[in-house]
Amino acid sequence: MTDSAEFDLIRRRHHYRCSICRQPEKVTGTLLPVKGKAAEVDAYCTFPVCPDHHAKYMQGFFTGIEMKKIGISAEEYRNLLSEIKEEQDAGKGLSTAEKGSLTKDETIKKIQKAQKMKMPKVHSDYKKEI
C-alpha cells in the first residue's frame, strides 16, 4: 500500500484520528491504512483507520455510511476486497498488521461489543415556536 513515511504524513493530515469514528490514535491504538477515494480526485488514496474499523473493512463488514466516509461505492468496495484477497494469496506487499488481521468471529464479537456500548445522545433544541 504505502510506505511508513508517507503513511505518517497521511496520519498527520488526518490529525491522528480514525477516518471513520474520529477517535484519536491515543485512544484506539495504532492507525492502519485502508484504500478509499478522496473527494477531489478519482484515484484511490489511503485513509487511516483504527484497528476495529480496519478489521471490519478487511472482513467486508463496512456499512454504506462507512463506505461513504472514505468515498467508495459498494461495487468499488467489493473490487478492493477482491484485490486485497488476491494480494494476500500471493503474500506480497502486506504489512504485518494486515497479515495478522482478526478472524471473522473475533471481528463479529468486537462489532457486537461496540454496538452494546452506550454512546452519548445528541439533543436537538431546534424546535421553535411559531
N, C-alpha and C. Protein backbone atom coordinates (compact mmCIF):
# COMPACT_ATOMS: atom_id res chain seq x y z
N MET A 1 0.83 -1.19 0.00
CA MET A 1 0.00 0.00 0.00
C MET A 1 0.87 1.25 0.00
N THR A 2 1.26 1.69 1.16
CA THR A 2 2.11 2.89 1.26
C THR A 2 3.25 2.60 2.21
N ASP A 3 4.33 3.36 2.04
CA ASP A 3 5.44 3.17 2.97
C ASP A 3 5.17 3.94 4.26
N SER A 4 5.97 3.69 5.27
CA SER A 4 5.68 4.25 6.60
C SER A 4 5.81 5.77 6.63
N ALA A 5 6.77 6.34 5.91
CA ALA A 5 6.95 7.80 5.92
C ALA A 5 5.74 8.49 5.29
N GLU A 6 5.25 7.93 4.19
CA GLU A 6 4.07 8.50 3.52
C GLU A 6 2.84 8.36 4.41
N PHE A 7 2.70 7.20 5.05
CA PHE A 7 1.53 7.00 5.91
C PHE A 7 1.59 7.89 7.15
N ASP A 8 2.78 8.19 7.65
CA ASP A 8 2.91 9.15 8.76
C ASP A 8 2.37 10.52 8.36
N LEU A 9 2.66 10.94 7.14
CA LEU A 9 2.12 12.22 6.65
C LEU A 9 0.60 12.17 6.53
N ILE A 10 0.08 11.05 6.08
CA ILE A 10 -1.37 10.89 5.95
C ILE A 10 -2.02 10.94 7.33
N ARG A 11 -1.41 10.25 8.30
CA ARG A 11 -1.95 10.28 9.67
C ARG A 11 -1.94 11.70 10.22
N ARG A 12 -0.86 12.44 9.98
CA ARG A 12 -0.76 13.81 10.46
C ARG A 12 -1.83 14.68 9.80
N ARG A 13 -2.06 14.49 8.50
CA ARG A 13 -3.08 15.25 7.78
C ARG A 13 -4.48 15.01 8.36
N HIS A 14 -4.70 13.80 8.88
CA HIS A 14 -5.98 13.46 9.49
C HIS A 14 -5.97 13.69 11.00
N HIS A 15 -4.98 14.41 11.50
CA HIS A 15 -4.86 14.79 12.91
C HIS A 15 -4.82 13.57 13.83
N TYR A 16 -4.20 12.49 13.35
CA TYR A 16 -4.02 11.26 14.14
C TYR A 16 -5.36 10.73 14.66
N ARG A 17 -6.37 10.78 13.80
CA ARG A 17 -7.71 10.28 14.14
C ARG A 17 -8.19 9.28 13.09
N CYS A 18 -9.02 8.37 13.51
CA CYS A 18 -9.63 7.40 12.61
C CYS A 18 -10.54 8.14 11.63
N SER A 19 -10.50 7.81 10.37
CA SER A 19 -11.32 8.47 9.36
C SER A 19 -12.80 8.12 9.51
N ILE A 20 -13.11 7.05 10.20
CA ILE A 20 -14.50 6.62 10.33
C ILE A 20 -15.11 7.13 11.64
N CYS A 21 -14.52 6.78 12.78
CA CYS A 21 -15.12 7.12 14.08
C CYS A 21 -14.54 8.40 14.69
N ARG A 22 -13.46 8.93 14.09
CA ARG A 22 -12.82 10.17 14.52
C ARG A 22 -12.21 10.08 15.93
N GLN A 23 -11.99 8.87 16.44
CA GLN A 23 -11.34 8.68 17.73
C GLN A 23 -9.84 8.90 17.55
N PRO A 24 -9.17 9.54 18.52
CA PRO A 24 -7.73 9.77 18.40
C PRO A 24 -6.94 8.47 18.51
N GLU A 25 -5.76 8.48 17.93
CA GLU A 25 -4.89 7.32 17.92
C GLU A 25 -4.49 6.90 19.34
N LYS A 26 -4.40 7.85 20.26
CA LYS A 26 -4.03 7.54 21.64
C LYS A 26 -5.09 6.66 22.31
N VAL A 27 -6.34 6.79 21.89
CA VAL A 27 -7.44 6.02 22.48
C VAL A 27 -7.58 4.66 21.81
N THR A 28 -7.53 4.64 20.48
CA THR A 28 -7.84 3.42 19.73
C THR A 28 -6.65 2.50 19.50
N GLY A 29 -5.47 3.05 19.52
CA GLY A 29 -4.29 2.26 19.17
C GLY A 29 -3.77 2.71 17.82
N THR A 30 -2.76 2.03 17.32
CA THR A 30 -2.11 2.43 16.08
C THR A 30 -3.09 2.44 14.91
N LEU A 31 -3.07 3.52 14.14
CA LEU A 31 -3.93 3.63 12.96
C LEU A 31 -3.35 2.80 11.82
N LEU A 32 -4.23 2.18 11.06
CA LEU A 32 -3.82 1.32 9.96
C LEU A 32 -4.38 1.85 8.64
N PRO A 33 -3.75 1.56 7.50
CA PRO A 33 -4.20 2.11 6.22
C PRO A 33 -5.29 1.27 5.56
N VAL A 34 -6.24 1.96 4.91
CA VAL A 34 -7.23 1.34 4.03
C VAL A 34 -7.35 2.19 2.77
N LYS A 35 -7.78 1.58 1.68
CA LYS A 35 -7.93 2.31 0.43
C LYS A 35 -9.32 2.93 0.34
N GLY A 36 -9.37 4.14 -0.20
CA GLY A 36 -10.62 4.85 -0.43
C GLY A 36 -10.40 5.88 -1.51
N LYS A 37 -11.38 6.76 -1.71
CA LYS A 37 -11.25 7.82 -2.70
C LYS A 37 -11.49 9.16 -2.03
N ALA A 38 -10.61 10.10 -2.28
CA ALA A 38 -10.80 11.46 -1.79
C ALA A 38 -11.80 12.16 -2.71
N ALA A 39 -12.47 13.17 -2.20
CA ALA A 39 -13.48 13.89 -2.98
C ALA A 39 -12.88 14.63 -4.17
N GLU A 40 -11.64 15.09 -4.04
CA GLU A 40 -11.02 15.90 -5.09
C GLU A 40 -10.50 15.09 -6.26
N VAL A 41 -10.17 13.84 -6.05
CA VAL A 41 -9.52 13.04 -7.10
C VAL A 41 -10.30 11.77 -7.38
N ASP A 42 -10.06 11.20 -8.57
CA ASP A 42 -10.71 9.95 -8.94
C ASP A 42 -9.88 8.73 -8.55
N ALA A 43 -8.61 8.91 -8.29
CA ALA A 43 -7.73 7.79 -7.96
C ALA A 43 -7.93 7.35 -6.51
N TYR A 44 -7.53 6.12 -6.23
CA TYR A 44 -7.61 5.61 -4.87
C TYR A 44 -6.51 6.24 -4.02
N CYS A 45 -6.82 6.48 -2.77
CA CYS A 45 -5.82 7.01 -1.84
C CYS A 45 -5.97 6.26 -0.52
N THR A 46 -5.10 6.55 0.40
CA THR A 46 -5.06 5.84 1.67
C THR A 46 -5.66 6.67 2.78
N PHE A 47 -6.44 6.01 3.65
CA PHE A 47 -7.05 6.65 4.81
C PHE A 47 -6.61 5.92 6.07
N PRO A 48 -6.37 6.64 7.16
CA PRO A 48 -6.03 5.97 8.42
C PRO A 48 -7.30 5.57 9.18
N VAL A 49 -7.34 4.36 9.66
CA VAL A 49 -8.48 3.90 10.47
C VAL A 49 -7.97 3.17 11.69
N CYS A 50 -8.81 3.10 12.73
CA CYS A 50 -8.46 2.40 13.96
C CYS A 50 -8.45 0.88 13.69
N PRO A 51 -7.86 0.10 14.58
CA PRO A 51 -7.80 -1.35 14.37
C PRO A 51 -9.18 -2.01 14.23
N ASP A 52 -10.18 -1.51 14.96
CA ASP A 52 -11.52 -2.09 14.86
C ASP A 52 -12.10 -1.89 13.47
N HIS A 53 -12.00 -0.66 12.95
CA HIS A 53 -12.54 -0.39 11.61
C HIS A 53 -11.69 -1.04 10.53
N HIS A 54 -10.39 -1.22 10.77
CA HIS A 54 -9.55 -1.91 9.80
C HIS A 54 -9.98 -3.38 9.69
N ALA A 55 -10.21 -4.01 10.82
CA ALA A 55 -10.66 -5.40 10.81
C ALA A 55 -12.02 -5.52 10.14
N LYS A 56 -12.91 -4.58 10.43
CA LYS A 56 -14.24 -4.58 9.83
C LYS A 56 -14.13 -4.39 8.31
N TYR A 57 -13.24 -3.51 7.87
CA TYR A 57 -13.01 -3.26 6.45
C TYR A 57 -12.49 -4.52 5.76
N MET A 58 -11.49 -5.15 6.38
CA MET A 58 -10.86 -6.32 5.77
C MET A 58 -11.80 -7.53 5.70
N GLN A 59 -12.74 -7.62 6.62
CA GLN A 59 -13.67 -8.75 6.62
C GLN A 59 -14.89 -8.51 5.74
N GLY A 60 -15.03 -7.27 5.21
CA GLY A 60 -16.15 -6.97 4.32
C GLY A 60 -17.41 -6.54 5.04
N PHE A 61 -17.28 -6.00 6.25
CA PHE A 61 -18.44 -5.61 7.05
C PHE A 61 -18.73 -4.11 7.03
N PHE A 62 -18.09 -3.33 6.17
CA PHE A 62 -18.35 -1.90 6.15
C PHE A 62 -19.78 -1.63 5.71
N THR A 63 -20.43 -0.67 6.38
CA THR A 63 -21.79 -0.27 6.03
C THR A 63 -21.73 0.84 4.99
N GLY A 64 -22.88 1.24 4.48
CA GLY A 64 -22.96 2.30 3.49
C GLY A 64 -22.41 3.61 4.00
N ILE A 65 -22.67 3.93 5.26
CA ILE A 65 -22.19 5.18 5.85
C ILE A 65 -20.67 5.17 5.94
N GLU A 66 -20.11 4.04 6.35
CA GLU A 66 -18.65 3.94 6.48
C GLU A 66 -17.98 4.01 5.11
N MET A 67 -18.60 3.40 4.09
CA MET A 67 -18.06 3.48 2.74
C MET A 67 -18.11 4.91 2.22
N LYS A 68 -19.17 5.61 2.57
CA LYS A 68 -19.31 6.99 2.12
C LYS A 68 -18.23 7.88 2.74
N LYS A 69 -17.83 7.59 3.99
CA LYS A 69 -16.81 8.40 4.66
C LYS A 69 -15.45 8.29 3.99
N ILE A 70 -15.17 7.17 3.34
CA ILE A 70 -13.90 7.05 2.61
C ILE A 70 -14.12 7.16 1.09
N GLY A 71 -15.33 7.50 0.68
CA GLY A 71 -15.61 7.86 -0.70
C GLY A 71 -15.69 6.74 -1.71
N ILE A 72 -16.13 5.56 -1.29
CA ILE A 72 -16.26 4.45 -2.25
C ILE A 72 -17.69 3.93 -2.26
N SER A 73 -18.06 3.33 -3.39
CA SER A 73 -19.38 2.71 -3.51
C SER A 73 -19.27 1.24 -3.11
N ALA A 74 -20.41 0.57 -3.04
CA ALA A 74 -20.42 -0.84 -2.66
C ALA A 74 -19.68 -1.69 -3.70
N GLU A 75 -19.84 -1.35 -4.97
CA GLU A 75 -19.15 -2.10 -6.02
C GLU A 75 -17.64 -1.90 -5.94
N GLU A 76 -17.20 -0.67 -5.71
CA GLU A 76 -15.77 -0.40 -5.56
C GLU A 76 -15.20 -1.12 -4.34
N TYR A 77 -15.99 -1.16 -3.26
CA TYR A 77 -15.57 -1.86 -2.04
C TYR A 77 -15.35 -3.34 -2.31
N ARG A 78 -16.28 -3.96 -3.04
CA ARG A 78 -16.13 -5.38 -3.38
C ARG A 78 -14.88 -5.60 -4.23
N ASN A 79 -14.64 -4.68 -5.19
CA ASN A 79 -13.44 -4.81 -6.04
C ASN A 79 -12.16 -4.67 -5.22
N LEU A 80 -12.14 -3.70 -4.29
CA LEU A 80 -10.97 -3.51 -3.44
C LEU A 80 -10.72 -4.75 -2.58
N LEU A 81 -11.79 -5.31 -2.02
CA LEU A 81 -11.64 -6.51 -1.19
C LEU A 81 -11.10 -7.68 -2.00
N SER A 82 -11.57 -7.84 -3.24
CA SER A 82 -11.07 -8.95 -4.07
C SER A 82 -9.60 -8.74 -4.41
N GLU A 83 -9.18 -7.46 -4.65
CA GLU A 83 -7.77 -7.17 -4.90
C GLU A 83 -6.93 -7.49 -3.66
N ILE A 84 -7.44 -7.13 -2.48
CA ILE A 84 -6.71 -7.40 -1.24
C ILE A 84 -6.57 -8.90 -1.02
N LYS A 85 -7.65 -9.65 -1.27
CA LYS A 85 -7.60 -11.11 -1.10
C LYS A 85 -6.58 -11.73 -2.05
N GLU A 86 -6.51 -11.21 -3.31
CA GLU A 86 -5.53 -11.72 -4.26
C GLU A 86 -4.11 -11.43 -3.78
N GLU A 87 -3.89 -10.23 -3.23
CA GLU A 87 -2.58 -9.88 -2.70
C GLU A 87 -2.22 -10.76 -1.51
N GLN A 88 -3.22 -11.05 -0.66
CA GLN A 88 -2.97 -11.91 0.49
C GLN A 88 -2.61 -13.32 0.04
N ASP A 89 -3.30 -13.80 -1.00
CA ASP A 89 -2.98 -15.13 -1.51
C ASP A 89 -1.57 -15.17 -2.08
N ALA A 90 -1.18 -14.10 -2.73
CA ALA A 90 0.17 -14.03 -3.28
C ALA A 90 1.20 -13.79 -2.17
N GLY A 91 0.76 -13.14 -1.06
CA GLY A 91 1.63 -12.92 0.09
C GLY A 91 2.63 -11.81 -0.09
N LYS A 92 2.32 -10.84 -0.94
CA LYS A 92 3.28 -9.77 -1.17
C LYS A 92 2.64 -8.42 -0.88
N GLY A 93 3.48 -7.47 -0.42
CA GLY A 93 3.04 -6.09 -0.24
C GLY A 93 2.16 -5.82 0.95
N LEU A 94 2.04 -6.75 1.88
CA LEU A 94 1.20 -6.54 3.04
C LEU A 94 2.04 -6.34 4.29
N SER A 95 1.58 -5.44 5.15
CA SER A 95 2.30 -5.22 6.40
C SER A 95 1.98 -6.35 7.38
N THR A 96 2.72 -6.41 8.47
CA THR A 96 2.47 -7.45 9.46
C THR A 96 1.10 -7.27 10.11
N ALA A 97 0.66 -6.02 10.25
CA ALA A 97 -0.66 -5.76 10.83
C ALA A 97 -1.76 -6.30 9.92
N GLU A 98 -1.59 -6.12 8.61
CA GLU A 98 -2.60 -6.62 7.67
C GLU A 98 -2.58 -8.15 7.60
N LYS A 99 -1.38 -8.74 7.68
CA LYS A 99 -1.29 -10.20 7.64
C LYS A 99 -1.93 -10.82 8.88
N GLY A 100 -1.84 -10.13 10.03
CA GLY A 100 -2.37 -10.67 11.27
C GLY A 100 -3.71 -10.08 11.64
N SER A 101 -4.52 -9.72 10.64
CA SER A 101 -5.82 -9.12 10.96
C SER A 101 -6.71 -10.16 11.65
N LEU A 102 -7.72 -9.67 12.30
CA LEU A 102 -8.58 -10.51 13.11
C LEU A 102 -9.37 -11.52 12.28
N THR A 103 -9.72 -12.63 12.90
CA THR A 103 -10.56 -13.61 12.22
C THR A 103 -11.99 -13.08 12.16
N LYS A 104 -12.79 -13.72 11.36
CA LYS A 104 -14.16 -13.27 11.17
C LYS A 104 -14.96 -13.30 12.47
N ASP A 105 -14.81 -14.37 13.27
CA ASP A 105 -15.55 -14.48 14.53
C ASP A 105 -15.14 -13.39 15.52
N GLU A 106 -13.82 -13.10 15.60
CA GLU A 106 -13.35 -12.05 16.50
C GLU A 106 -13.89 -10.69 16.07
N THR A 107 -13.95 -10.47 14.77
CA THR A 107 -14.48 -9.20 14.26
C THR A 107 -15.95 -9.04 14.62
N ILE A 108 -16.73 -10.09 14.45
CA ILE A 108 -18.16 -10.03 14.78
C ILE A 108 -18.35 -9.73 16.27
N LYS A 109 -17.55 -10.37 17.13
CA LYS A 109 -17.65 -10.12 18.57
C LYS A 109 -17.30 -8.68 18.91
N LYS A 110 -16.27 -8.12 18.27
CA LYS A 110 -15.88 -6.73 18.52
C LYS A 110 -16.99 -5.77 18.08
N ILE A 111 -17.60 -6.05 16.94
CA ILE A 111 -18.68 -5.20 16.44
C ILE A 111 -19.87 -5.25 17.39
N GLN A 112 -20.24 -6.44 17.84
CA GLN A 112 -21.36 -6.59 18.77
C GLN A 112 -21.07 -5.88 20.08
N LYS A 113 -19.84 -5.96 20.57
CA LYS A 113 -19.46 -5.27 21.81
C LYS A 113 -19.56 -3.76 21.64
N ALA A 114 -19.09 -3.26 20.50
CA ALA A 114 -19.15 -1.82 20.23
C ALA A 114 -20.59 -1.33 20.13
N GLN A 115 -21.48 -2.15 19.59
CA GLN A 115 -22.88 -1.77 19.47
C GLN A 115 -23.57 -1.73 20.83
N LYS A 116 -23.10 -2.54 21.79
CA LYS A 116 -23.69 -2.55 23.12
C LYS A 116 -23.26 -1.37 23.97
N MET A 117 -22.10 -0.77 23.61
CA MET A 117 -21.59 0.37 24.39
C MET A 117 -22.56 1.53 24.28
N LYS A 118 -22.71 2.25 25.38
CA LYS A 118 -23.62 3.39 25.38
C LYS A 118 -22.91 4.59 24.78
N MET A 119 -23.52 5.15 23.77
CA MET A 119 -22.98 6.34 23.13
C MET A 119 -23.75 7.55 23.65
N PRO A 120 -23.10 8.71 23.76
CA PRO A 120 -23.81 9.90 24.22
C PRO A 120 -24.90 10.28 23.25
N LYS A 121 -26.04 10.67 23.79
CA LYS A 121 -27.17 11.06 22.95
C LYS A 121 -27.02 12.52 22.54
N VAL A 122 -27.44 12.79 21.33
CA VAL A 122 -27.39 14.16 20.82
C VAL A 122 -28.77 14.77 20.99
N HIS A 123 -28.82 15.88 21.68
CA HIS A 123 -30.08 16.56 21.92
C HIS A 123 -30.22 17.69 20.92
N SER A 124 -31.40 17.84 20.34
CA SER A 124 -31.61 18.94 19.44
C SER A 124 -32.61 19.91 20.08
N ASP A 125 -32.18 21.13 20.20
CA ASP A 125 -33.04 22.17 20.74
C ASP A 125 -33.42 23.16 19.65
N TYR A 126 -33.72 22.61 18.50
CA TYR A 126 -34.01 23.46 17.36
C TYR A 126 -35.50 23.70 17.15
N LYS A 127 -36.31 23.22 18.07
CA LYS A 127 -37.75 23.42 17.93
C LYS A 127 -38.07 24.88 18.26
N LYS A 128 -38.70 25.51 17.33
CA LYS A 128 -39.08 26.91 17.53
C LYS A 128 -40.59 27.02 17.52
N GLU A 129 -41.06 27.87 18.38
CA GLU A 129 -42.50 28.11 18.39
C GLU A 129 -42.83 29.19 17.38
N ILE A 130 -43.92 29.00 16.70
CA ILE A 130 -44.34 29.99 15.68
C ILE A 130 -45.40 30.89 16.26
